[in-house]
Every structure is written in structure tokens, then in C-alpha cells.
Amino acid sequence: MRAPSVLVLFVVLVLTAGTFAYWSYERANRLPAGFASANGRIEVQRVDIASKLVGRVDEIRVDEGDFVEKGTIIAQLDTSELQAQLDAAKASVQRAIASINRAKAEIAIREAEHHLAEVELERAVELQKRAAGTVALVDQRKAEHAVTEAQIRLARAALEDAAASRAAAEAEVAKIEATRADSTLHTPVSGRVEYKLVQPGEVVAAGGRLVTILDLTDVFMTIFLPTAQAGRLALGSEARIVLDADPTYVIPVTVSFVAAEAQFTPKTVETEEEREKLMYRVKLAIDPTLLETYRKYVKAGLTGNAYVRLDPDVMWPAHLEPNLPDVPS
């Protein structure tokens, strides 16, 4: 009978120690008043690199997982047809310039002829006054003078037409060059390539997506809070994220958005009881400077718990003080 008694006593002691350890852990990690918690997933803003034009993909310069800086060339569409159009438009510009030069030369000739006709008209009028010339000669000189005036106006009109043709041709060149520039696709953000959706040789439609980039400067977690808690939450309030992947680290974040209207929470919220409530969507953003330091570790979809401070006068508990891994080399 003695051995069973010792065994029972041992089991009781183990259970008591376990219960005490669990109680101590819960007490140390219990969330004090003035705070709220909710679960969520890490989200990264996605940017689609899409083609403005219909065209054949000539080159894709990135692979999935590559990190790209803002302005990096992502893809290149085939521009052979555009190049031919550009060459033709530039030739039209040169033809218009030649037409302008001819029109200017024509104006100079007609102005010289007009000046000569004016001199001859004055001489004919003077001879008639001295009875050395005839009225018919004066009329002839007047007609020649009028013709040269008309020819000057015609030459000037030709110059204006040539100048307009040049402007139109140069506008066509600018249009084609702009279209050709749109055939080179750059990333508007720094980030990581998530998906490469096409391969060289494929034809894409206008608006067709080629690559999806994860904007590593815009990483956040979306949580849902009830009215009583969301109403006390201020934009810019401090918050914390603890990821399930490694709960030893505590990530400092900021409340960057609180929805203006309540909604039924989506199925990503884990418990059915919470999903049945009207909740307010809250966005917790990670500091871009912090993201730059730890960008190799940023991954979309990681689950975790978020903790927000509703009362700015309450101190954060020790287990929720920021705790980040060593800066990667």
C-alpha cells in the first residue's frame, strides 16, 4: 500500500507544480486593462506591373523572389514596328524642314521681284509725267507690281503650311517616342517580385499584367475590433505584433487606419463568435525604416496576434516591449 501512496503523492505534486507554472506564466503574460488584442495576418501591398499597350513581350528581366529597386526595368515589349514608325515620322520632319527652307527662299525671290516691279512702276509714272512714256506702260507696271505682291503672299502661305507640317511631324515623333517609352516597363516601388505572369514571346493585351511586386515599404496587419475598443483607439497609437512563427520577437507598429463604418468580420478571423459581431477594421503599419532593415524577413501571410494600446497613459507590459532579432548583415 505504501508504493501506490507515494505514486499518488508524486502525481499530485507534479500537477500542482504544473498548475502553478501555468498560472505564473498566464499572470506574467496577461494583458492589463487599457489594451486590446486580436489575431491577423501580415499583408504586403501588391503592385501590378501592367502593359499600357498591346504588344509582344520581348524580355522579362526579373525572376520570382528578386528584389528590385524603384525605377528598375522589369520588362521590355517588342518595339520594331514602333521604330519603323518613328523613322518615318522623323523623315517627315526633315521633309517639312526642307519645305520651310524652300518657302523662305521663294519669299526672298518674290520680294526681290516685287522691289524691282515697284522701281519700274515709279519710273513708268515719272516718264508719263514728262510725256516720255505711255499710259499703257504704266498700267503694265502696275499689274506686274500687283502680281509680285500676290506671289509674296503665296510664298508666305507656303511657309506657314510647311511650318505647320513640321509641327505635326514633330508631334508624331513625340507621340511615337512616348509610346516606345511605355513599351519599357519600370517598377514604381522598391520591393520583391512575387509573380512573373508572362514569358518572352507572349502577346499581352492593353492593361495585361506581366509581374506582381510586393511593396516592402508598405507592410501591415489588418485586425478587427469591436465598437467599445475601436472607439477608444486613436490614429497613430502604438501597437505590437507577435508572430506565430517566432513568438519570442515583438514588432512595434502604428495604427494607421480605423474604418469609418463597422462590418461583419471576414472568415479569416478565427472564432465563429467573433465573426458574428460587427467589428471595425484596423490597420497596423510597420515603420518603413524598420522594413528596410529587415526586408529579407518580410513575408506575406504570416499569422500572429496584435496588441493595441487603448489608453495612452498605461505602460506596456514587459513581455510586449519591442524585441527584434539582430540586424542581418
C-alpha atoms as a PDB file:
ATOM      1  CA  MET A   1       0.000   0.000   0.000  1.00  0.00           C
ATOM      2  CA  ARG A   2       2.929   2.289   0.553  1.00  0.00           C
ATOM      3  CA  ALA A   3       4.117   2.355  -3.080  1.00  0.00           C
ATOM      4  CA  PRO A   4       0.732   3.476  -4.526  1.00  0.00           C
ATOM      5  CA  SER A   5       0.550   6.231  -1.907  1.00  0.00           C
ATOM      6  CA  VAL A   6       3.960   7.561  -2.917  1.00  0.00           C
ATOM      7  CA  LEU A   7       2.962   7.439  -6.591  1.00  0.00           C
ATOM      8  CA  VAL A   8      -0.274   9.348  -5.922  1.00  0.00           C
ATOM      9  CA  LEU A   9       1.627  11.920  -3.914  1.00  0.00           C
ATOM     10  CA  PHE A  10       4.144  12.311  -6.741  1.00  0.00           C
ATOM     11  CA  VAL A  11       1.374  12.823  -9.319  1.00  0.00           C
ATOM     12  CA  VAL A  12      -0.321  15.403  -7.092  1.00  0.00           C
ATOM     13  CA  LEU A  13       2.937  17.294  -6.686  1.00  0.00           C
ATOM     14  CA  VAL A  14       3.568  17.278 -10.458  1.00  0.00           C
ATOM     15  CA  LEU A  15       0.055  18.524 -11.192  1.00  0.00           C
ATOM     16  CA  THR A  16       0.364  21.210  -8.547  1.00  0.00           C
ATOM     17  CA  ALA A  17       3.711  22.379  -9.919  1.00  0.00           C
ATOM     18  CA  GLY A  18       2.337  22.394 -13.441  1.00  0.00           C
ATOM     19  CA  THR A  19      -0.726  24.340 -12.404  1.00  0.00           C
ATOM     20  CA  PHE A  20       1.423  26.879 -10.552  1.00  0.00           C
ATOM     21  CA  ALA A  21       3.792  27.255 -13.516  1.00  0.00           C
ATOM     22  CA  TYR A  22       0.879  27.750 -15.897  1.00  0.00           C
ATOM     23  CA  TRP A  23      -0.736  30.281 -13.519  1.00  0.00           C
ATOM     24  CA  SER A  24       2.560  32.146 -13.201  1.00  0.00           C
ATOM     25  CA  TYR A  25       3.006  32.214 -16.969  1.00  0.00           C
ATOM     26  CA  GLU A  26      -0.537  33.430 -17.557  1.00  0.00           C
ATOM     27  CA  ARG A  27      -0.143  36.121 -14.908  1.00  0.00           C
ATOM     28  CA  ALA A  28       3.116  37.333 -16.415  1.00  0.00           C
ATOM     29  CA  ASN A  29       1.658  37.442 -19.907  1.00  0.00           C
ATOM     30  CA  ARG A  30      -1.844  38.596 -19.038  1.00  0.00           C
ATOM     31  CA  LEU A  31      -2.942  41.693 -20.943  1.00  0.00           C
ATOM     32  CA  PRO A  32      -3.677  44.506 -18.450  1.00  0.00           C
ATOM     33  CA  ALA A  33      -6.574  46.957 -18.696  1.00  0.00           C
ATOM     34  CA  GLY A  34      -6.158  49.618 -21.359  1.00  0.00           C
ATOM     35  CA  PHE A  35      -5.095  47.165 -24.050  1.00  0.00           C
ATOM     36  CA  ALA A  36      -6.874  45.076 -26.666  1.00  0.00           C
ATOM     37  CA  SER A  37      -5.737  42.141 -28.759  1.00  0.00           C
ATOM     38  CA  ALA A  38      -6.825  40.440 -31.977  1.00  0.00           C
ATOM     39  CA  ASN A  39      -5.395  37.984 -34.460  1.00  0.00           C
ATOM     40  CA  GLY A  40      -4.459  38.717 -38.048  1.00  0.00           C
ATOM     41  CA  ARG A  41      -2.071  38.079 -40.906  1.00  0.00           C
ATOM     42  CA  ILE A  42       0.849  40.045 -42.265  1.00  0.00           C
ATOM     43  CA  GLU A  43      -0.130  41.695 -45.535  1.00  0.00           C
ATOM     44  CA  VAL A  44       2.123  43.361 -48.096  1.00  0.00           C
ATOM     45  CA  GLN A  45       0.827  45.876 -50.605  1.00  0.00           C
ATOM     46  CA  ARG A  46       0.894  44.360 -54.089  1.00  0.00           C
ATOM     47  CA  VAL A  47       1.717  46.422 -57.176  1.00  0.00           C
ATOM     48  CA  ASP A  48       0.866  45.020 -60.594  1.00  0.00           C
ATOM     49  CA  ILE A  49       3.226  45.946 -63.421  1.00  0.00           C
ATOM     50  CA  ALA A  50       0.879  46.075 -66.405  1.00  0.00           C
ATOM     51  CA  SER A  51       1.289  46.980 -70.060  1.00  0.00           C
ATOM     52  CA  LYS A  52      -0.388  50.140 -71.317  1.00  0.00           C
ATOM     53  CA  LEU A  53      -0.135  48.799 -74.865  1.00  0.00           C
ATOM     54  CA  VAL A  54      -0.909  45.698 -76.847  1.00  0.00           C
ATOM     55  CA  GLY A  55       2.370  44.042 -77.722  1.00  0.00           C
ATOM     56  CA  ARG A  56       4.669  41.068 -77.751  1.00  0.00           C
ATOM     57  CA  VAL A  57       6.905  40.570 -74.725  1.00  0.00           C
ATOM     58  CA  ASP A  58      10.492  40.845 -75.860  1.00  0.00           C
ATOM     59  CA  GLU A  59      12.204  40.418 -72.493  1.00  0.00           C
ATOM     60  CA  ILE A  60      11.418  39.823 -68.810  1.00  0.00           C
ATOM     61  CA  ARG A  61      14.370  40.939 -66.708  1.00  0.00           C
ATOM     62  CA  VAL A  62      13.336  39.591 -63.294  1.00  0.00           C
ATOM     63  CA  ASP A  63      12.532  36.286 -61.653  1.00  0.00           C
ATOM     64  CA  GLU A  64      10.218  35.493 -58.777  1.00  0.00           C
ATOM     65  CA  GLY A  65      11.894  36.333 -55.479  1.00  0.00           C
ATOM     66  CA  ASP A  66      14.195  39.008 -56.926  1.00  0.00           C
ATOM     67  CA  PHE A  67      14.479  42.267 -55.012  1.00  0.00           C
ATOM     68  CA  VAL A  68      14.140  45.315 -57.282  1.00  0.00           C
ATOM     69  CA  GLU A  69      14.771  48.986 -56.608  1.00  0.00           C
ATOM     70  CA  LYS A  70      12.308  51.676 -57.628  1.00  0.00           C
ATOM     71  CA  GLY A  71      12.733  52.544 -61.329  1.00  0.00           C
ATOM     72  CA  THR A  72      14.293  49.202 -62.285  1.00  0.00           C
ATOM     73  CA  ILE A  73      13.361  47.957 -65.761  1.00  0.00           C
ATOM     74  CA  ILE A  74      11.091  44.952 -65.293  1.00  0.00           C
ATOM     75  CA  ALA A  75      10.123  44.046 -68.861  1.00  0.00           C
ATOM     76  CA  GLN A  76      10.501  45.186 -72.452  1.00  0.00           C
ATOM     77  CA  LEU A  77       7.906  44.901 -75.203  1.00  0.00           C
ATOM     78  CA  ASP A  78       8.894  44.487 -78.846  1.00  0.00           C
ATOM     79  CA  THR A  79       9.348  47.923 -80.468  1.00  0.00           C
ATOM     80  CA  SER A  80      10.408  47.034 -84.023  1.00  0.00           C
ATOM     81  CA  GLU A  81       7.148  48.311 -85.529  1.00  0.00           C
ATOM     82  CA  LEU A  82       7.298  51.459 -83.428  1.00  0.00           C
ATOM     83  CA  GLN A  83      10.882  52.035 -84.550  1.00  0.00           C
ATOM     84  CA  ALA A  84       9.797  51.904 -88.195  1.00  0.00           C
ATOM     85  CA  GLN A  85       7.013  54.387 -87.475  1.00  0.00           C
ATOM     86  CA  LEU A  86       9.469  56.624 -85.646  1.00  0.00           C
ATOM     87  CA  ASP A  87      11.901  56.589 -88.574  1.00  0.00           C
ATOM     88  CA  ALA A  88       9.072  57.560 -90.958  1.00  0.00           C
ATOM     89  CA  ALA A  89       7.950  60.373 -88.658  1.00  0.00           C
ATOM     90  CA  LYS A  90      11.493  61.734 -88.379  1.00  0.00           C
ATOM     91  CA  ALA A  91      11.765  61.649 -92.187  1.00  0.00           C
ATOM     92  CA  SER A  92       8.551  63.702 -92.352  1.00  0.00           C
ATOM     93  CA  VAL A  93      10.158  66.251 -90.049  1.00  0.00           C
ATOM     94  CA  GLN A  94      13.138  66.539 -92.385  1.00  0.00           C
ATOM     95  CA  ARG A  95      10.847  66.957 -95.395  1.00  0.00           C
ATOM     96  CA  ALA A  96       8.964  69.693 -93.581  1.00  0.00           C
ATOM     97  CA  ILE A  97      12.233  71.450 -92.736  1.00  0.00           C
ATOM     98  CA  ALA A  98      13.249  71.303 -96.418  1.00  0.00           C
ATOM     99  CA  SER A  99       9.860  72.745 -97.385  1.00  0.00           C
ATOM    100  CA  ILE A 100      10.363  75.580 -94.919  1.00  0.00           C
ATOM    101  CA  ASN A 101      13.759  76.386 -96.413  1.00  0.00           C
ATOM    102  CA  ARG A 102      12.303  76.368 -99.945  1.00  0.00           C
ATOM    103  CA  ALA A 103       9.449  78.621 -98.856  1.00  0.00           C
ATOM    104  CA  LYS A 104      11.881  81.076 -97.287  1.00  0.00           C
ATOM    105  CA  ALA A 105      13.967  81.144-100.470  1.00  0.00           C
ATOM    106  CA  GLU A 106      10.818  81.637-102.538  1.00  0.00           C
ATOM    107  CA  ILE A 107       9.796  84.571-100.355  1.00  0.00           C
ATOM    108  CA  ALA A 108      13.210  86.179-100.837  1.00  0.00           C
ATOM    109  CA  ILE A 109      12.901  85.803-104.626  1.00  0.00           C
ATOM    110  CA  ARG A 110       9.362  87.193-104.712  1.00  0.00           C
ATOM    111  CA  GLU A 111      10.305  90.122-102.508  1.00  0.00           C
ATOM    112  CA  ALA A 112      13.198  90.960-104.860  1.00  0.00           C
ATOM    113  CA  GLU A 113      10.857  90.766-107.856  1.00  0.00           C
ATOM    114  CA  HIS A 114       8.355  92.930-106.021  1.00  0.00           C
ATOM    115  CA  HIS A 115      11.016  95.533-105.310  1.00  0.00           C
ATOM    116  CA  LEU A 116      12.033  95.570-108.993  1.00  0.00           C
ATOM    117  CA  ALA A 117       8.407  95.898-110.078  1.00  0.00           C
ATOM    118  CA  GLU A 118       7.976  98.803-107.694  1.00  0.00           C
ATOM    119  CA  VAL A 119      11.019 100.587-109.121  1.00  0.00           C
ATOM    120  CA  GLU A 120       9.829 100.042-112.701  1.00  0.00           C
ATOM    121  CA  LEU A 121       6.346 101.325-111.812  1.00  0.00           C
ATOM    122  CA  GLU A 122       7.797 104.516-110.344  1.00  0.00           C
ATOM    123  CA  ARG A 123       9.951 105.017-113.459  1.00  0.00           C
ATOM    124  CA  ALA A 124       6.973 104.490-115.778  1.00  0.00           C
ATOM    125  CA  VAL A 125       4.914 107.021-113.831  1.00  0.00           C
ATOM    126  CA  GLU A 126       7.764 109.553-113.996  1.00  0.00           C
ATOM    127  CA  LEU A 127       8.154 109.089-117.775  1.00  0.00           C
ATOM    128  CA  GLN A 128       4.435 109.594-118.290  1.00  0.00           C
ATOM    129  CA  LYS A 129       4.577 112.835-116.339  1.00  0.00           C
ATOM    130  CA  ARG A 130       7.315 114.083-118.692  1.00  0.00           C
ATOM    131  CA  ALA A 131       5.364 112.834-121.707  1.00  0.00           C
ATOM    132  CA  ALA A 132       8.135 110.368-122.423  1.00  0.00           C
ATOM    133  CA  GLY A 133       6.053 107.300-121.571  1.00  0.00           C
ATOM    134  CA  THR A 134       2.607 105.954-122.269  1.00  0.00           C
ATOM    135  CA  VAL A 135      -0.387 105.170-120.072  1.00  0.00           C
ATOM    136  CA  ALA A 136      -0.278 101.580-121.267  1.00  0.00           C
ATOM    137  CA  LEU A 137       3.243 101.154-119.896  1.00  0.00           C
ATOM    138  CA  VAL A 138       2.164 102.492-116.513  1.00  0.00           C
ATOM    139  CA  ASP A 139      -0.775 100.072-116.422  1.00  0.00           C
ATOM    140  CA  GLN A 140       1.536  97.196-117.317  1.00  0.00           C
ATOM    141  CA  ARG A 141       3.927  98.075-114.498  1.00  0.00           C
ATOM    142  CA  LYS A 142       1.024  98.337-112.029  1.00  0.00           C
ATOM    143  CA  ALA A 143      -0.163  94.870-112.992  1.00  0.00           C
ATOM    144  CA  GLU A 144       3.326  93.423-112.617  1.00  0.00           C
ATOM    145  CA  HIS A 145       3.596  95.094-109.198  1.00  0.00           C
ATOM    146  CA  ALA A 146       0.296  93.570-108.076  1.00  0.00           C
ATOM    147  CA  VAL A 147       1.344  90.116-109.305  1.00  0.00           C
ATOM    148  CA  THR A 148       4.582  90.219-107.297  1.00  0.00           C
ATOM    149  CA  GLU A 149       2.618  91.215-104.172  1.00  0.00           C
ATOM    150  CA  ALA A 150       0.343  88.239-104.667  1.00  0.00           C
ATOM    151  CA  GLN A 151       3.322  85.952-105.183  1.00  0.00           C
ATOM    152  CA  ILE A 152       4.825  87.127-101.891  1.00  0.00           C
ATOM    153  CA  ARG A 153       1.586  86.319-100.063  1.00  0.00           C
ATOM    154  CA  LEU A 154       1.507  82.915-101.733  1.00  0.00           C
ATOM    155  CA  ALA A 155       5.102  82.187-100.713  1.00  0.00           C
ATOM    156  CA  ARG A 156       4.409  83.231 -97.127  1.00  0.00           C
ATOM    157  CA  ALA A 157       1.360  80.950 -97.028  1.00  0.00           C
ATOM    158  CA  ALA A 158       3.571  78.109 -98.261  1.00  0.00           C
ATOM    159  CA  LEU A 159       5.993  78.875 -95.426  1.00  0.00           C
ATOM    160  CA  GLU A 160       3.189  78.706 -92.845  1.00  0.00           C
ATOM    161  CA  ASP A 161       1.986  75.419 -94.325  1.00  0.00           C
ATOM    162  CA  ALA A 162       5.499  73.962 -94.167  1.00  0.00           C
ATOM    163  CA  ALA A 163       5.893  75.146 -90.567  1.00  0.00           C
ATOM    164  CA  ALA A 164       2.563  73.500 -89.653  1.00  0.00           C
ATOM    165  CA  SER A 165       3.679  70.275 -91.350  1.00  0.00           C
ATOM    166  CA  ARG A 166       6.876  70.334 -89.339  1.00  0.00           C
ATOM    167  CA  ALA A 167       4.951  70.846 -86.083  1.00  0.00           C
ATOM    168  CA  ALA A 168       2.640  67.953 -86.950  1.00  0.00           C
ATOM    169  CA  ALA A 169       5.567  65.694 -87.850  1.00  0.00           C
ATOM    170  CA  GLU A 170       7.419  66.590 -84.641  1.00  0.00           C
ATOM    171  CA  ALA A 171       4.263  65.915 -82.619  1.00  0.00           C
ATOM    172  CA  GLU A 172       4.026  62.495 -84.285  1.00  0.00           C
ATOM    173  CA  VAL A 173       7.654  61.828 -83.373  1.00  0.00           C
ATOM    174  CA  ALA A 174       6.960  62.784 -79.740  1.00  0.00           C
ATOM    175  CA  LYS A 175       3.862  60.562 -79.695  1.00  0.00           C
ATOM    176  CA  ILE A 176       5.732  57.546 -81.046  1.00  0.00           C
ATOM    177  CA  GLU A 177       8.651  58.122 -78.673  1.00  0.00           C
ATOM    178  CA  ALA A 178       6.209  58.277 -75.755  1.00  0.00           C
ATOM    179  CA  THR A 179       4.603  55.036 -76.928  1.00  0.00           C
ATOM    180  CA  ARG A 180       8.014  53.443 -77.259  1.00  0.00           C
ATOM    181  CA  ALA A 181       8.882  54.613 -73.740  1.00  0.00           C
ATOM    182  CA  ASP A 182       5.679  52.952 -72.494  1.00  0.00           C
ATOM    183  CA  SER A 183       6.994  49.732 -74.013  1.00  0.00           C
ATOM    184  CA  THR A 184       9.692  49.677 -71.335  1.00  0.00           C
ATOM    185  CA  LEU A 185       8.087  48.772 -68.011  1.00  0.00           C
ATOM    186  CA  HIS A 186       9.654  50.028 -64.770  1.00  0.00           C
ATOM    187  CA  THR A 187       8.701  49.273 -61.199  1.00  0.00           C
ATOM    188  CA  PRO A 188       7.246  52.313 -59.386  1.00  0.00           C
ATOM    189  CA  VAL A 189       8.268  50.899 -55.983  1.00  0.00           C
ATOM    190  CA  SER A 190      11.107  49.027 -54.364  1.00  0.00           C
ATOM    191  CA  GLY A 191      10.113  45.503 -53.475  1.00  0.00           C
ATOM    192  CA  ARG A 192      10.253  41.783 -54.134  1.00  0.00           C
ATOM    193  CA  VAL A 193       8.951  40.060 -57.250  1.00  0.00           C
ATOM    194  CA  GLU A 194       6.052  37.853 -56.189  1.00  0.00           C
ATOM    195  CA  TYR A 195       4.772  36.534 -59.526  1.00  0.00           C
ATOM    196  CA  LYS A 196       6.124  36.529 -63.083  1.00  0.00           C
ATOM    197  CA  LEU A 197       2.943  36.127 -65.103  1.00  0.00           C
ATOM    198  CA  VAL A 198       4.228  36.019 -68.704  1.00  0.00           C
ATOM    199  CA  GLN A 199       7.215  34.743 -70.641  1.00  0.00           C
ATOM    200  CA  PRO A 200       9.139  36.305 -73.541  1.00  0.00           C
ATOM    201  CA  GLY A 201       7.284  35.854 -76.828  1.00  0.00           C
ATOM    202  CA  GLU A 202       3.821  36.040 -75.343  1.00  0.00           C
ATOM    203  CA  VAL A 203       1.420  38.738 -76.545  1.00  0.00           C
ATOM    204  CA  VAL A 204      -0.226  40.861 -73.852  1.00  0.00           C
ATOM    205  CA  ALA A 205      -3.352  42.982 -74.140  1.00  0.00           C
ATOM    206  CA  ALA A 206      -3.586  46.604 -73.073  1.00  0.00           C
ATOM    207  CA  GLY A 207      -3.728  46.518 -69.292  1.00  0.00           C
ATOM    208  CA  GLY A 208      -2.334  42.992 -69.173  1.00  0.00           C
ATOM    209  CA  ARG A 209      -0.275  42.192 -66.077  1.00  0.00           C
ATOM    210  CA  LEU A 210       3.290  40.991 -66.508  1.00  0.00           C
ATOM    211  CA  VAL A 211       4.744  40.993 -62.999  1.00  0.00           C
ATOM    212  CA  THR A 212       3.456  41.475 -59.453  1.00  0.00           C
ATOM    213  CA  ILE A 213       5.705  43.305 -56.986  1.00  0.00           C
ATOM    214  CA  LEU A 214       5.418  43.202 -53.201  1.00  0.00           C
ATOM    215  CA  ASP A 215       5.960  46.744 -51.943  1.00  0.00           C
ATOM    216  CA  LEU A 216       8.228  46.160 -48.955  1.00  0.00           C
ATOM    217  CA  THR A 217       7.727  49.739 -47.767  1.00  0.00           C
ATOM    218  CA  ASP A 218       4.008  49.069 -47.153  1.00  0.00           C
ATOM    219  CA  VAL A 219       3.633  46.097 -44.820  1.00  0.00           C
ATOM    220  CA  PHE A 220       0.787  45.869 -42.320  1.00  0.00           C
ATOM    221  CA  MET A 221      -1.571  43.647 -40.375  1.00  0.00           C
ATOM    222  CA  THR A 222      -5.341  44.054 -40.518  1.00  0.00           C
ATOM    223  CA  ILE A 223      -7.304  43.257 -37.372  1.00  0.00           C
ATOM    224  CA  PHE A 224     -10.920  43.740 -36.293  1.00  0.00           C
ATOM    225  CA  LEU A 225     -12.017  45.329 -33.034  1.00  0.00           C
ATOM    226  CA  PRO A 226     -15.479  45.803 -31.517  1.00  0.00           C
ATOM    227  CA  THR A 227     -17.043  49.245 -31.139  1.00  0.00           C
ATOM    228  CA  ALA A 228     -16.068  49.651 -27.493  1.00  0.00           C
ATOM    229  CA  GLN A 229     -12.393  49.182 -28.307  1.00  0.00           C
ATOM    230  CA  ALA A 230     -12.246  50.818 -31.737  1.00  0.00           C
ATOM    231  CA  GLY A 231     -13.909  53.930 -30.331  1.00  0.00           C
ATOM    232  CA  ARG A 232     -11.025  54.436 -27.890  1.00  0.00           C
ATOM    233  CA  LEU A 233      -8.340  53.854 -30.500  1.00  0.00           C
ATOM    234  CA  ALA A 234      -6.574  56.883 -31.948  1.00  0.00           C
ATOM    235  CA  LEU A 235      -4.721  57.052 -35.239  1.00  0.00           C
ATOM    236  CA  GLY A 236      -1.010  56.898 -34.591  1.00  0.00           C
ATOM    237  CA  SER A 237      -1.452  54.825 -31.418  1.00  0.00           C
ATOM    238  CA  GLU A 238       1.274  52.372 -30.523  1.00  0.00           C
ATOM    239  CA  ALA A 239       0.684  48.698 -31.124  1.00  0.00           C
ATOM    240  CA  ARG A 240       2.632  45.444 -31.177  1.00  0.00           C
ATOM    241  CA  ILE A 241       2.641  42.331 -33.341  1.00  0.00           C
ATOM    242  CA  VAL A 242       3.775  38.895 -32.165  1.00  0.00           C
ATOM    243  CA  LEU A 243       4.033  36.369 -34.979  1.00  0.00           C
ATOM    244  CA  ASP A 244       3.184  32.703 -34.517  1.00  0.00           C
ATOM    245  CA  ALA A 245       6.330  31.790 -36.454  1.00  0.00           C
ATOM    246  CA  ASP A 246       8.516  33.117 -33.621  1.00  0.00           C
ATOM    247  CA  PRO A 247       6.643  34.475 -30.582  1.00  0.00           C
ATOM    248  CA  THR A 248       9.878  35.499 -28.879  1.00  0.00           C
ATOM    249  CA  TYR A 249      10.014  38.646 -31.019  1.00  0.00           C
ATOM    250  CA  VAL A 250       7.752  41.677 -30.567  1.00  0.00           C
ATOM    251  CA  ILE A 251       7.361  44.028 -33.540  1.00  0.00           C
ATOM    252  CA  PRO A 252       6.436  47.674 -32.866  1.00  0.00           C
ATOM    253  CA  VAL A 253       3.719  49.007 -35.200  1.00  0.00           C
ATOM    254  CA  THR A 254       1.419  52.007 -35.501  1.00  0.00           C
ATOM    255  CA  VAL A 255      -2.325  52.301 -36.004  1.00  0.00           C
ATOM    256  CA  SER A 256      -2.505  53.836 -39.491  1.00  0.00           C
ATOM    257  CA  PHE A 257      -6.206  53.326 -40.273  1.00  0.00           C
ATOM    258  CA  VAL A 258      -9.508  52.775 -38.494  1.00  0.00           C
ATOM    259  CA  ALA A 259     -12.559  52.124 -40.645  1.00  0.00           C
ATOM    260  CA  ALA A 260     -15.366  54.692 -40.558  1.00  0.00           C
ATOM    261  CA  GLU A 261     -18.064  52.020 -40.590  1.00  0.00           C
ATOM    262  CA  ALA A 262     -18.478  48.703 -38.804  1.00  0.00           C
ATOM    263  CA  GLN A 263     -18.730  45.464 -40.750  1.00  0.00           C
ATOM    264  CA  PHE A 264     -19.157  41.751 -40.264  1.00  0.00           C
ATOM    265  CA  THR A 265     -15.670  40.379 -39.854  1.00  0.00           C
ATOM    266  CA  PRO A 266     -14.397  38.021 -42.567  1.00  0.00           C
ATOM    267  CA  LYS A 267     -13.750  34.308 -42.205  1.00  0.00           C
ATOM    268  CA  THR A 268     -10.050  34.922 -41.626  1.00  0.00           C
ATOM    269  CA  VAL A 269     -10.963  35.814 -38.052  1.00  0.00           C
ATOM    270  CA  GLU A 270     -10.577  32.501 -36.305  1.00  0.00           C
ATOM    271  CA  THR A 271     -13.567  32.148 -33.968  1.00  0.00           C
ATOM    272  CA  GLU A 272     -17.157  31.941 -35.138  1.00  0.00           C
ATOM    273  CA  GLU A 273     -18.278  34.080 -32.189  1.00  0.00           C
ATOM    274  CA  GLU A 274     -16.082  36.970 -33.348  1.00  0.00           C
ATOM    275  CA  ARG A 275     -17.200  36.587 -36.972  1.00  0.00           C
ATOM    276  CA  GLU A 276     -20.814  37.130 -35.976  1.00  0.00           C
ATOM    277  CA  LYS A 277     -20.075  40.533 -34.437  1.00  0.00           C
ATOM    278  CA  LEU A 278     -19.990  43.887 -36.136  1.00  0.00           C
ATOM    279  CA  MET A 279     -16.384  44.985 -35.933  1.00  0.00           C
ATOM    280  CA  TYR A 280     -14.197  47.865 -37.118  1.00  0.00           C
ATOM    281  CA  ARG A 281     -11.309  47.165 -39.439  1.00  0.00           C
ATOM    282  CA  VAL A 282      -7.996  48.460 -38.092  1.00  0.00           C
ATOM    283  CA  LYS A 283      -4.734  48.612 -39.996  1.00  0.00           C
ATOM    284  CA  LEU A 284      -1.404  48.325 -38.175  1.00  0.00           C
ATOM    285  CA  ALA A 285       1.536  49.558 -40.246  1.00  0.00           C
ATOM    286  CA  ILE A 286       5.185  48.679 -39.778  1.00  0.00           C
ATOM    287  CA  ASP A 287       7.683  51.541 -39.971  1.00  0.00           C
ATOM    288  CA  PRO A 288       9.295  51.639 -43.471  1.00  0.00           C
ATOM    289  CA  THR A 289      12.711  52.232 -41.862  1.00  0.00           C
ATOM    290  CA  LEU A 290      12.310  49.006 -39.908  1.00  0.00           C
ATOM    291  CA  LEU A 291      11.183  47.236 -43.067  1.00  0.00           C
ATOM    292  CA  GLU A 292      14.300  48.405 -44.879  1.00  0.00           C
ATOM    293  CA  THR A 293      16.454  46.851 -42.178  1.00  0.00           C
ATOM    294  CA  TYR A 294      14.616  43.521 -42.084  1.00  0.00           C
ATOM    295  CA  ARG A 295      13.328  43.337 -45.650  1.00  0.00           C
ATOM    296  CA  LYS A 296      14.806  39.845 -46.183  1.00  0.00           C
ATOM    297  CA  TYR A 297      12.485  38.553 -43.470  1.00  0.00           C
ATOM    298  CA  VAL A 298       9.279  40.197 -44.692  1.00  0.00           C
ATOM    299  CA  LYS A 299       6.755  37.571 -45.786  1.00  0.00           C
ATOM    300  CA  ALA A 300       3.083  37.966 -46.582  1.00  0.00           C
ATOM    301  CA  GLY A 301       0.569  35.679 -44.895  1.00  0.00           C
ATOM    302  CA  LEU A 302       2.345  35.112 -41.576  1.00  0.00           C
ATOM    303  CA  THR A 303      -0.220  34.775 -38.790  1.00  0.00           C
ATOM    304  CA  GLY A 304       0.049  36.312 -35.370  1.00  0.00           C
ATOM    305  CA  ASN A 305      -1.537  38.355 -32.627  1.00  0.00           C
ATOM    306  CA  ALA A 306      -1.739  42.128 -32.491  1.00  0.00           C
ATOM    307  CA  TYR A 307      -1.918  44.191 -29.319  1.00  0.00           C
ATOM    308  CA  VAL A 308      -3.107  47.802 -29.322  1.00  0.00           C
ATOM    309  CA  ARG A 309      -2.936  50.349 -26.533  1.00  0.00           C
ATOM    310  CA  LEU A 310      -6.299  51.987 -25.936  1.00  0.00           C
ATOM    311  CA  ASP A 311      -5.154  54.129 -23.006  1.00  0.00           C
ATOM    312  CA  PRO A 312      -2.022  56.207 -23.820  1.00  0.00           C
ATOM    313  CA  ASP A 313      -1.271  56.606 -20.082  1.00  0.00           C
ATOM    314  CA  VAL A 314      -0.879  52.865 -19.478  1.00  0.00           C
ATOM    315  CA  MET A 315       2.599  51.383 -19.708  1.00  0.00           C
ATOM    316  CA  TRP A 316       3.264  48.416 -21.963  1.00  0.00           C
ATOM    317  CA  PRO A 317       3.764  45.148 -20.049  1.00  0.00           C
ATOM    318  CA  ALA A 318       7.303  43.820 -20.087  1.00  0.00           C
ATOM    319  CA  HIS A 319       6.532  40.878 -22.360  1.00  0.00           C
ATOM    320  CA  LEU A 320       5.267  43.284 -25.075  1.00  0.00           C
ATOM    321  CA  GLU A 321       8.242  45.627 -25.122  1.00  0.00           C
ATOM    322  CA  PRO A 322       9.799  45.734 -28.633  1.00  0.00           C
ATOM    323  CA  ASN A 323      12.154  42.849 -29.166  1.00  0.00           C
ATOM    324  CA  LEU A 324      13.645  42.339 -32.624  1.00  0.00           C
ATOM    325  CA  PRO A 325      16.273  39.940 -33.969  1.00  0.00           C
ATOM    326  CA  ASP A 326      19.812  41.114 -34.540  1.00  0.00           C
ATOM    327  CA  VAL A 327      20.239  43.302 -37.602  1.00  0.00           C
ATOM    328  CA  PRO A 328      21.098  40.968 -40.501  1.00  0.00           C
ATOM    329  CA  SER A 329      24.483  41.500 -42.054  1.00  0.00           C
END
